[in-house]
Amino acid sequence: MNLNMDDKITIQSADATEFSLPVAGIGSRSYAFIIDWHIRFIIALAWVLIIFVVLYFSPEDNISLFADSLWSSVAFIPASLIYFLYHPVIEVVMQGRTPGKRMAGVRIVALDGRTPTSGALVIRNIFRLIDSLPSLYMVGMGACIFSKNAVRIGDMAAGTLLVVENRNSEDDFEQVDALAQNTGYAPGQLEVLSSLLERWDSMEPPSRVRLAEQILKKMDVPLPAQTAAHKYGISLHERLLAIQKGKQF
C-alpha cells in the first residue's frame, strides 16, 4: 500500500537527471475532492435557485412554470453541466489543478513529471465514472489503497498521478520574464536554472553538480574554484541562487 505522504516517485528527466516527487496519499486526495465537490455543488445549486427566484418575482404568477419542461431544462441542464464538467474543464484550464487541489497542496502530473496534456486530463475524468462505482468512489478509493503510486483507475488510464506540489516553484517561474529583462540571460536559460534549483535537494549530488556546471557554462558564468566535492556543490548552488535573484556575472 502507498498511503504515506512521504512516499516519492523517482522520475528521469530529458536531461538524464533524476528527481523525486512526493506522491499524495489518499487523505490529501480525499480532502481536495471534498472541497471541489462542495464548490461545484454550490455553483450548480445557485444556478437552479437563480432561475427559481427569477420566476418567483416575475410580474405574473409563473412559479408553476418551474415545473414546465422548458424552464426545467433552463434550470437543470446548465446546473448538470456545471456539476459534471467542473473537473475536466478546471483541470485543463489550471494545468492539473483545481481550487480543491490548490487548498490541499496537490496537483496532477504526467508520469514524466510534466503537466498532463488536455487529452490525458479528459481521459482521467471520463474514467471517473468507473472510479465512482458503486457509490462514494469505492472503486477509485480501493485502487488508490492497493496501487503502487496511490492512483485511481482514471490515473492508470491517463498516465497521471497526484503529487504534493512545491508551492515555491510557480512563483519562481513567474519571475523568469522579469529576471530576463533585468539581466543579460535568456528566459529559456533562466527557466532551466529555476527548474534545477527547485529539484536540487531531491537530486543526487553528482547529477546536480554536473547539470549546474553545464547551465553555468552555457550562460557564460565562470565556475567557482574547485574545492572539496561538498564545498564545490555548495558554491555552485550559491551561484545559481545569485543568478536567480538577478545578479550578473
C-alpha atoms as a PDB file:
ATOM      1  CA  MET A   1       0.000   0.000   0.000  1.00  0.00           C
ATOM      2  CA  ASN A   2       1.099   3.537  -0.686  1.00  0.00           C
ATOM      3  CA  LEU A   3      -0.615   5.769   1.845  1.00  0.00           C
ATOM      4  CA  ASN A   4       2.345   7.650   3.255  1.00  0.00           C
ATOM      5  CA  MET A   5       2.579  11.304   2.292  1.00  0.00           C
ATOM      6  CA  ASP A   6       6.385  10.894   2.320  1.00  0.00           C
ATOM      7  CA  ASP A   7       6.341   8.266  -0.448  1.00  0.00           C
ATOM      8  CA  LYS A   8       8.040   9.501  -3.576  1.00  0.00           C
ATOM      9  CA  ILE A   9       8.225   8.577  -7.220  1.00  0.00           C
ATOM     10  CA  THR A  10      11.574   8.910  -8.970  1.00  0.00           C
ATOM     11  CA  ILE A  11      11.444  10.390 -12.460  1.00  0.00           C
ATOM     12  CA  GLN A  12      14.156  10.632 -15.078  1.00  0.00           C
ATOM     13  CA  SER A  13      14.028  13.896 -16.980  1.00  0.00           C
ATOM     14  CA  ALA A  14      15.003  14.571 -20.554  1.00  0.00           C
ATOM     15  CA  ASP A  15      18.472  15.659 -19.454  1.00  0.00           C
ATOM     16  CA  ALA A  16      19.057  12.207 -17.878  1.00  0.00           C
ATOM     17  CA  THR A  17      18.971  13.501 -14.309  1.00  0.00           C
ATOM     18  CA  GLU A  18      16.706  12.001 -11.696  1.00  0.00           C
ATOM     19  CA  PHE A  19      14.415  13.819  -9.307  1.00  0.00           C
ATOM     20  CA  SER A  20      11.724  12.760  -6.880  1.00  0.00           C
ATOM     21  CA  LEU A  21       8.155  13.902  -6.470  1.00  0.00           C
ATOM     22  CA  PRO A  22       6.274  13.189  -3.217  1.00  0.00           C
ATOM     23  CA  VAL A  23       3.160  11.175  -4.033  1.00  0.00           C
ATOM     24  CA  ALA A  24      -0.058  12.478  -2.500  1.00  0.00           C
ATOM     25  CA  GLY A  25      -1.781   9.971  -0.255  1.00  0.00           C
ATOM     26  CA  ILE A  26      -5.447   9.087  -0.126  1.00  0.00           C
ATOM     27  CA  GLY A  27      -6.013  11.641   2.652  1.00  0.00           C
ATOM     28  CA  SER A  28      -4.887  14.606   0.541  1.00  0.00           C
ATOM     29  CA  ARG A  29      -6.768  13.276  -2.470  1.00  0.00           C
ATOM     30  CA  SER A  30      -9.998  12.946  -0.471  1.00  0.00           C
ATOM     31  CA  TYR A  31      -9.593  16.375   1.108  1.00  0.00           C
ATOM     32  CA  ALA A  32      -9.172  18.003  -2.321  1.00  0.00           C
ATOM     33  CA  PHE A  33     -12.178  16.129  -3.725  1.00  0.00           C
ATOM     34  CA  ILE A  34     -14.446  17.133  -0.834  1.00  0.00           C
ATOM     35  CA  ILE A  35     -13.584  20.809  -1.335  1.00  0.00           C
ATOM     36  CA  ASP A  36     -14.159  20.596  -5.090  1.00  0.00           C
ATOM     37  CA  TRP A  37     -17.416  18.680  -4.611  1.00  0.00           C
ATOM     38  CA  HIS A  38     -18.797  21.422  -2.382  1.00  0.00           C
ATOM     39  CA  ILE A  39     -17.713  24.137  -4.828  1.00  0.00           C
ATOM     40  CA  ARG A  40     -19.359  22.551  -7.865  1.00  0.00           C
ATOM     41  CA  PHE A  41     -22.485  21.595  -5.899  1.00  0.00           C
ATOM     42  CA  ILE A  42     -22.920  25.136  -4.559  1.00  0.00           C
ATOM     43  CA  ILE A  43     -22.418  26.693  -8.014  1.00  0.00           C
ATOM     44  CA  ALA A  44     -24.869  24.258  -9.633  1.00  0.00           C
ATOM     45  CA  LEU A  45     -27.412  24.786  -6.858  1.00  0.00           C
ATOM     46  CA  ALA A  46     -27.007  28.552  -7.099  1.00  0.00           C
ATOM     47  CA  TRP A  47     -27.936  28.434 -10.796  1.00  0.00           C
ATOM     48  CA  VAL A  48     -31.129  26.493 -10.077  1.00  0.00           C
ATOM     49  CA  LEU A  49     -32.056  28.919  -7.285  1.00  0.00           C
ATOM     50  CA  ILE A  50     -31.483  31.920  -9.560  1.00  0.00           C
ATOM     51  CA  ILE A  51     -33.962  30.545 -12.104  1.00  0.00           C
ATOM     52  CA  PHE A  52     -36.445  29.817  -9.319  1.00  0.00           C
ATOM     53  CA  VAL A  53     -36.110  33.332  -7.872  1.00  0.00           C
ATOM     54  CA  VAL A  54     -36.471  34.963 -11.298  1.00  0.00           C
ATOM     55  CA  LEU A  55     -39.746  33.120 -11.851  1.00  0.00           C
ATOM     56  CA  TYR A  56     -40.947  33.735  -8.297  1.00  0.00           C
ATOM     57  CA  PHE A  57     -40.535  37.515  -8.546  1.00  0.00           C
ATOM     58  CA  SER A  58     -41.769  37.812 -12.121  1.00  0.00           C
ATOM     59  CA  PRO A  59     -44.791  40.099 -12.665  1.00  0.00           C
ATOM     60  CA  GLU A  60     -47.035  37.179 -13.381  1.00  0.00           C
ATOM     61  CA  ASP A  61     -47.582  34.136 -11.219  1.00  0.00           C
ATOM     62  CA  ASN A  62     -45.148  31.992 -13.171  1.00  0.00           C
ATOM     63  CA  ILE A  63     -43.843  29.852 -10.335  1.00  0.00           C
ATOM     64  CA  SER A  64     -45.845  26.976 -11.745  1.00  0.00           C
ATOM     65  CA  LEU A  65     -43.767  27.320 -14.903  1.00  0.00           C
ATOM     66  CA  PHE A  66     -40.807  25.997 -12.956  1.00  0.00           C
ATOM     67  CA  ALA A  67     -42.246  22.538 -13.457  1.00  0.00           C
ATOM     68  CA  ASP A  68     -42.612  23.187 -17.183  1.00  0.00           C
ATOM     69  CA  SER A  69     -40.183  21.207 -19.313  1.00  0.00           C
ATOM     70  CA  LEU A  70     -38.642  24.338 -20.892  1.00  0.00           C
ATOM     71  CA  TRP A  71     -37.893  26.058 -17.598  1.00  0.00           C
ATOM     72  CA  SER A  72     -36.748  22.805 -16.070  1.00  0.00           C
ATOM     73  CA  SER A  73     -34.241  22.485 -18.896  1.00  0.00           C
ATOM     74  CA  VAL A  74     -33.067  26.059 -18.391  1.00  0.00           C
ATOM     75  CA  ALA A  75     -32.582  25.335 -14.697  1.00  0.00           C
ATOM     76  CA  PHE A  76     -31.211  21.816 -14.571  1.00  0.00           C
ATOM     77  CA  ILE A  77     -29.247  21.295 -17.809  1.00  0.00           C
ATOM     78  CA  PRO A  78     -26.737  24.100 -17.105  1.00  0.00           C
ATOM     79  CA  ALA A  79     -26.571  23.006 -13.478  1.00  0.00           C
ATOM     80  CA  SER A  80     -25.780  19.447 -14.574  1.00  0.00           C
ATOM     81  CA  LEU A  81     -23.113  20.682 -16.974  1.00  0.00           C
ATOM     82  CA  ILE A  82     -21.524  22.737 -14.205  1.00  0.00           C
ATOM     83  CA  TYR A  83     -21.523  19.745 -11.879  1.00  0.00           C
ATOM     84  CA  PHE A  84     -20.182  17.137 -14.297  1.00  0.00           C
ATOM     85  CA  LEU A  85     -17.780  19.302 -16.326  1.00  0.00           C
ATOM     86  CA  TYR A  86     -16.247  21.058 -13.330  1.00  0.00           C
ATOM     87  CA  HIS A  87     -13.251  18.734 -13.003  1.00  0.00           C
ATOM     88  CA  PRO A  88     -12.259  18.277 -16.667  1.00  0.00           C
ATOM     89  CA  VAL A  89     -12.644  21.968 -17.535  1.00  0.00           C
ATOM     90  CA  ILE A  90     -10.955  23.360 -14.421  1.00  0.00           C
ATOM     91  CA  GLU A  91      -8.113  20.831 -14.545  1.00  0.00           C
ATOM     92  CA  VAL A  92      -7.362  21.704 -18.178  1.00  0.00           C
ATOM     93  CA  VAL A  93      -7.539  25.459 -17.546  1.00  0.00           C
ATOM     94  CA  MET A  94      -5.463  25.296 -14.345  1.00  0.00           C
ATOM     95  CA  GLN A  95      -2.995  22.733 -15.777  1.00  0.00           C
ATOM     96  CA  GLY A  96      -3.657  19.839 -13.444  1.00  0.00           C
ATOM     97  CA  ARG A  97      -5.034  21.811 -10.527  1.00  0.00           C
ATOM     98  CA  THR A  98      -8.443  22.703  -9.124  1.00  0.00           C
ATOM     99  CA  PRO A  99      -9.343  25.038  -6.239  1.00  0.00           C
ATOM    100  CA  GLY A 100      -9.617  21.979  -4.003  1.00  0.00           C
ATOM    101  CA  LYS A 101      -6.249  20.607  -5.099  1.00  0.00           C
ATOM    102  CA  ARG A 102      -4.654  24.008  -4.513  1.00  0.00           C
ATOM    103  CA  MET A 103      -6.010  24.094  -0.963  1.00  0.00           C
ATOM    104  CA  ALA A 104      -4.833  20.523  -0.371  1.00  0.00           C
ATOM    105  CA  GLY A 105      -1.397  21.336  -1.817  1.00  0.00           C
ATOM    106  CA  VAL A 106      -1.525  18.710  -4.564  1.00  0.00           C
ATOM    107  CA  ARG A 107      -1.608  18.662  -8.354  1.00  0.00           C
ATOM    108  CA  ILE A 108      -1.878  16.218 -11.257  1.00  0.00           C
ATOM    109  CA  VAL A 109       1.278  15.447 -13.234  1.00  0.00           C
ATOM    110  CA  ALA A 110       2.164  13.077 -16.047  1.00  0.00           C
ATOM    111  CA  LEU A 111       4.423  10.109 -15.315  1.00  0.00           C
ATOM    112  CA  ASP A 112       7.421  12.102 -16.552  1.00  0.00           C
ATOM    113  CA  GLY A 113       6.694  14.865 -14.042  1.00  0.00           C
ATOM    114  CA  ARG A 114       5.361  17.312 -16.640  1.00  0.00           C
ATOM    115  CA  THR A 115       1.968  18.968 -16.837  1.00  0.00           C
ATOM    116  CA  PRO A 116      -0.523  16.465 -18.313  1.00  0.00           C
ATOM    117  CA  THR A 117      -1.942  17.096 -21.774  1.00  0.00           C
ATOM    118  CA  SER A 118      -5.548  18.161 -22.158  1.00  0.00           C
ATOM    119  CA  GLY A 119      -6.318  14.746 -23.649  1.00  0.00           C
ATOM    120  CA  ALA A 120      -4.878  12.955 -20.620  1.00  0.00           C
ATOM    121  CA  LEU A 121      -6.934  15.095 -18.248  1.00  0.00           C
ATOM    122  CA  VAL A 122     -10.109  14.412 -20.224  1.00  0.00           C
ATOM    123  CA  ILE A 123      -9.432  10.640 -20.195  1.00  0.00           C
ATOM    124  CA  ARG A 124      -8.754  10.809 -16.469  1.00  0.00           C
ATOM    125  CA  ASN A 125     -12.173  12.356 -15.892  1.00  0.00           C
ATOM    126  CA  ILE A 126     -14.043  10.015 -18.238  1.00  0.00           C
ATOM    127  CA  PHE A 127     -12.867   7.133 -16.061  1.00  0.00           C
ATOM    128  CA  ARG A 128     -14.209   8.998 -13.035  1.00  0.00           C
ATOM    129  CA  LEU A 129     -17.498   7.252 -13.863  1.00  0.00           C
ATOM    130  CA  ILE A 130     -15.829   3.903 -13.121  1.00  0.00           C
ATOM    131  CA  ASP A 131     -13.946   5.158 -10.075  1.00  0.00           C
ATOM    132  CA  SER A 132     -17.201   6.381  -8.527  1.00  0.00           C
ATOM    133  CA  LEU A 133     -18.802   2.920  -8.636  1.00  0.00           C
ATOM    134  CA  PRO A 134     -20.767   1.506  -6.911  1.00  0.00           C
ATOM    135  CA  SER A 135     -21.005   4.641  -4.745  1.00  0.00           C
ATOM    136  CA  LEU A 136     -18.806   7.073  -2.800  1.00  0.00           C
ATOM    137  CA  TYR A 137     -15.847   6.396  -5.125  1.00  0.00           C
ATOM    138  CA  MET A 138     -15.303   2.941  -3.657  1.00  0.00           C
ATOM    139  CA  VAL A 139     -13.571   1.585  -6.792  1.00  0.00           C
ATOM    140  CA  GLY A 140     -11.280   4.602  -7.013  1.00  0.00           C
ATOM    141  CA  MET A 141     -10.514   4.516  -3.317  1.00  0.00           C
ATOM    142  CA  GLY A 142      -9.680   0.825  -3.461  1.00  0.00           C
ATOM    143  CA  ALA A 143      -7.371   1.421  -6.418  1.00  0.00           C
ATOM    144  CA  CYS A 144      -5.592   4.188  -4.503  1.00  0.00           C
ATOM    145  CA  ILE A 145      -5.072   1.964  -1.487  1.00  0.00           C
ATOM    146  CA  PHE A 146      -3.628  -1.001  -3.347  1.00  0.00           C
ATOM    147  CA  SER A 147      -1.892   0.589  -6.369  1.00  0.00           C
ATOM    148  CA  LYS A 148       1.824   1.334  -6.407  1.00  0.00           C
ATOM    149  CA  ASN A 149       1.597   5.121  -6.541  1.00  0.00           C
ATOM    150  CA  ALA A 150      -1.799   5.638  -4.888  1.00  0.00           C
ATOM    151  CA  VAL A 151      -3.551   6.191  -8.223  1.00  0.00           C
ATOM    152  CA  ARG A 152      -7.156   5.567  -9.201  1.00  0.00           C
ATOM    153  CA  ILE A 153      -8.378   3.879 -12.389  1.00  0.00           C
ATOM    154  CA  GLY A 154      -8.570   7.207 -14.209  1.00  0.00           C
ATOM    155  CA  ASP A 155      -4.921   7.918 -13.446  1.00  0.00           C
ATOM    156  CA  MET A 156      -3.893   4.493 -14.717  1.00  0.00           C
ATOM    157  CA  ALA A 157      -5.749   5.063 -17.995  1.00  0.00           C
ATOM    158  CA  ALA A 158      -4.427   8.604 -18.481  1.00  0.00           C
ATOM    159  CA  GLY A 159      -0.862   8.002 -17.293  1.00  0.00           C
ATOM    160  CA  THR A 160      -1.105  10.554 -14.492  1.00  0.00           C
ATOM    161  CA  LEU A 161      -0.641  10.696 -10.744  1.00  0.00           C
ATOM    162  CA  LEU A 162      -1.275  13.102  -7.913  1.00  0.00           C
ATOM    163  CA  VAL A 163       1.766  14.636  -6.213  1.00  0.00           C
ATOM    164  CA  VAL A 164       2.390  17.097  -3.413  1.00  0.00           C
ATOM    165  CA  GLU A 165       3.006  20.461  -5.038  1.00  0.00           C
ATOM    166  CA  ASN A 166       6.012  22.639  -4.375  1.00  0.00           C
ATOM    167  CA  ARG A 167       4.289  25.986  -3.927  1.00  0.00           C
ATOM    168  CA  ASN A 168       7.522  27.904  -4.429  1.00  0.00           C
ATOM    169  CA  SER A 169       8.059  26.582  -7.954  1.00  0.00           C
ATOM    170  CA  GLU A 170       5.171  28.506  -9.506  1.00  0.00           C
ATOM    171  CA  ASP A 171       6.438  31.779  -8.070  1.00  0.00           C
ATOM    172  CA  ASP A 172       9.924  31.050  -9.403  1.00  0.00           C
ATOM    173  CA  PHE A 173       8.656  30.596 -12.960  1.00  0.00           C
ATOM    174  CA  GLU A 174       6.553  33.750 -12.753  1.00  0.00           C
ATOM    175  CA  GLN A 175       9.763  35.694 -12.041  1.00  0.00           C
ATOM    176  CA  VAL A 176      11.609  34.377 -15.095  1.00  0.00           C
ATOM    177  CA  ASP A 177      10.437  37.082 -17.513  1.00  0.00           C
ATOM    178  CA  ALA A 178      11.240  39.842 -15.059  1.00  0.00           C
ATOM    179  CA  LEU A 179      14.721  38.433 -14.498  1.00  0.00           C
ATOM    180  CA  ALA A 180      15.311  38.116 -18.236  1.00  0.00           C
ATOM    181  CA  GLN A 181      14.535  41.812 -18.651  1.00  0.00           C
ATOM    182  CA  ASN A 182      16.897  42.843 -15.846  1.00  0.00           C
ATOM    183  CA  THR A 183      19.805  40.582 -16.776  1.00  0.00           C
ATOM    184  CA  GLY A 184      21.566  39.504 -19.910  1.00  0.00           C
ATOM    185  CA  TYR A 185      20.353  35.911 -19.661  1.00  0.00           C
ATOM    186  CA  ALA A 186      17.777  34.335 -21.948  1.00  0.00           C
ATOM    187  CA  PRO A 187      14.376  33.313 -20.496  1.00  0.00           C
ATOM    188  CA  GLY A 188      14.979  29.693 -21.519  1.00  0.00           C
ATOM    189  CA  GLN A 189      18.238  29.607 -19.580  1.00  0.00           C
ATOM    190  CA  LEU A 190      16.573  31.073 -16.505  1.00  0.00           C
ATOM    191  CA  GLU A 191      13.751  28.534 -16.713  1.00  0.00           C
ATOM    192  CA  VAL A 192      16.247  25.654 -16.736  1.00  0.00           C
ATOM    193  CA  LEU A 193      18.121  27.246 -13.832  1.00  0.00           C
ATOM    194  CA  SER A 194      14.919  27.665 -11.803  1.00  0.00           C
ATOM    195  CA  SER A 195      13.924  24.073 -12.530  1.00  0.00           C
ATOM    196  CA  LEU A 196      17.293  22.822 -11.295  1.00  0.00           C
ATOM    197  CA  LEU A 197      17.064  24.853  -8.092  1.00  0.00           C
ATOM    198  CA  GLU A 198      13.577  23.510  -7.472  1.00  0.00           C
ATOM    199  CA  ARG A 199      14.839  19.936  -7.782  1.00  0.00           C
ATOM    200  CA  TRP A 200      18.225  20.483  -6.138  1.00  0.00           C
ATOM    201  CA  ASP A 201      17.597  18.758  -2.803  1.00  0.00           C
ATOM    202  CA  SER A 202      15.949  15.715  -4.401  1.00  0.00           C
ATOM    203  CA  MET A 203      18.775  15.048  -6.888  1.00  0.00           C
ATOM    204  CA  GLU A 204      21.914  13.002  -6.389  1.00  0.00           C
ATOM    205  CA  PRO A 205      24.967  15.290  -5.781  1.00  0.00           C
ATOM    206  CA  PRO A 206      26.930  14.167  -8.885  1.00  0.00           C
ATOM    207  CA  SER A 207      23.914  14.751 -11.149  1.00  0.00           C
ATOM    208  CA  ARG A 208      23.085  18.195  -9.827  1.00  0.00           C
ATOM    209  CA  VAL A 209      26.737  19.301  -9.903  1.00  0.00           C
ATOM    210  CA  ARG A 210      27.128  18.138 -13.498  1.00  0.00           C
ATOM    211  CA  LEU A 211      23.922  19.872 -14.594  1.00  0.00           C
ATOM    212  CA  ALA A 212      24.807  23.066 -12.710  1.00  0.00           C
ATOM    213  CA  GLU A 213      28.170  23.194 -14.475  1.00  0.00           C
ATOM    214  CA  GLN A 214      26.501  22.759 -17.859  1.00  0.00           C
ATOM    215  CA  ILE A 215      23.984  25.536 -17.162  1.00  0.00           C
ATOM    216  CA  LEU A 216      26.617  27.991 -15.930  1.00  0.00           C
ATOM    217  CA  LYS A 217      28.868  27.318 -18.915  1.00  0.00           C
ATOM    218  CA  LYS A 218      26.020  27.917 -21.370  1.00  0.00           C
ATOM    219  CA  MET A 219      25.262  31.188 -19.575  1.00  0.00           C
ATOM    220  CA  ASP A 220      28.959  32.163 -19.785  1.00  0.00           C
ATOM    221  CA  VAL A 221      29.140  32.328 -15.999  1.00  0.00           C
ATOM    222  CA  PRO A 222      32.545  31.438 -14.506  1.00  0.00           C
ATOM    223  CA  LEU A 223      32.565  28.318 -12.350  1.00  0.00           C
ATOM    224  CA  PRO A 224      33.662  28.598  -8.721  1.00  0.00           C
ATOM    225  CA  ALA A 225      37.101  27.438  -7.765  1.00  0.00           C
ATOM    226  CA  GLN A 226      37.468  23.674  -7.432  1.00  0.00           C
ATOM    227  CA  THR A 227      37.459  22.597  -3.795  1.00  0.00           C
ATOM    228  CA  ALA A 228      36.253  19.551  -1.896  1.00  0.00           C
ATOM    229  CA  ALA A 229      33.227  17.978  -3.589  1.00  0.00           C
ATOM    230  CA  HIS A 230      30.767  19.071  -0.865  1.00  0.00           C
ATOM    231  CA  LYS A 231      32.003  22.679  -0.767  1.00  0.00           C
ATOM    232  CA  TYR A 232      32.121  22.857  -4.546  1.00  0.00           C
ATOM    233  CA  GLY A 233      28.464  21.787  -4.737  1.00  0.00           C
ATOM    234  CA  ILE A 234      27.535  24.470  -2.200  1.00  0.00           C
ATOM    235  CA  SER A 235      29.402  27.095  -4.248  1.00  0.00           C
ATOM    236  CA  LEU A 236      27.573  26.061  -7.418  1.00  0.00           C
ATOM    237  CA  HIS A 237      24.242  26.239  -5.602  1.00  0.00           C
ATOM    238  CA  GLU A 238      25.028  29.695  -4.236  1.00  0.00           C
ATOM    239  CA  ARG A 239      25.995  30.915  -7.712  1.00  0.00           C
ATOM    240  CA  LEU A 240      22.739  29.630  -9.184  1.00  0.00           C
ATOM    241  CA  LEU A 241      20.749  31.303  -6.419  1.00  0.00           C
ATOM    242  CA  ALA A 242      22.581  34.579  -7.029  1.00  0.00           C
ATOM    243  CA  ILE A 243      21.651  34.487 -10.716  1.00  0.00           C
ATOM    244  CA  GLN A 244      18.040  33.699  -9.868  1.00  0.00           C
ATOM    245  CA  LYS A 245      17.957  36.786  -7.639  1.00  0.00           C
ATOM    246  CA  GLY A 246      19.160  38.936 -10.529  1.00  0.00           C
ATOM    247  CA  LYS A 247      22.929  39.103 -10.047  1.00  0.00           C
ATOM    248  CA  GLN A 248      25.057  39.279 -13.178  1.00  0.00           C
ATOM    249  CA  PHE A 249      28.476  37.681 -13.535  1.00  0.00           C
END
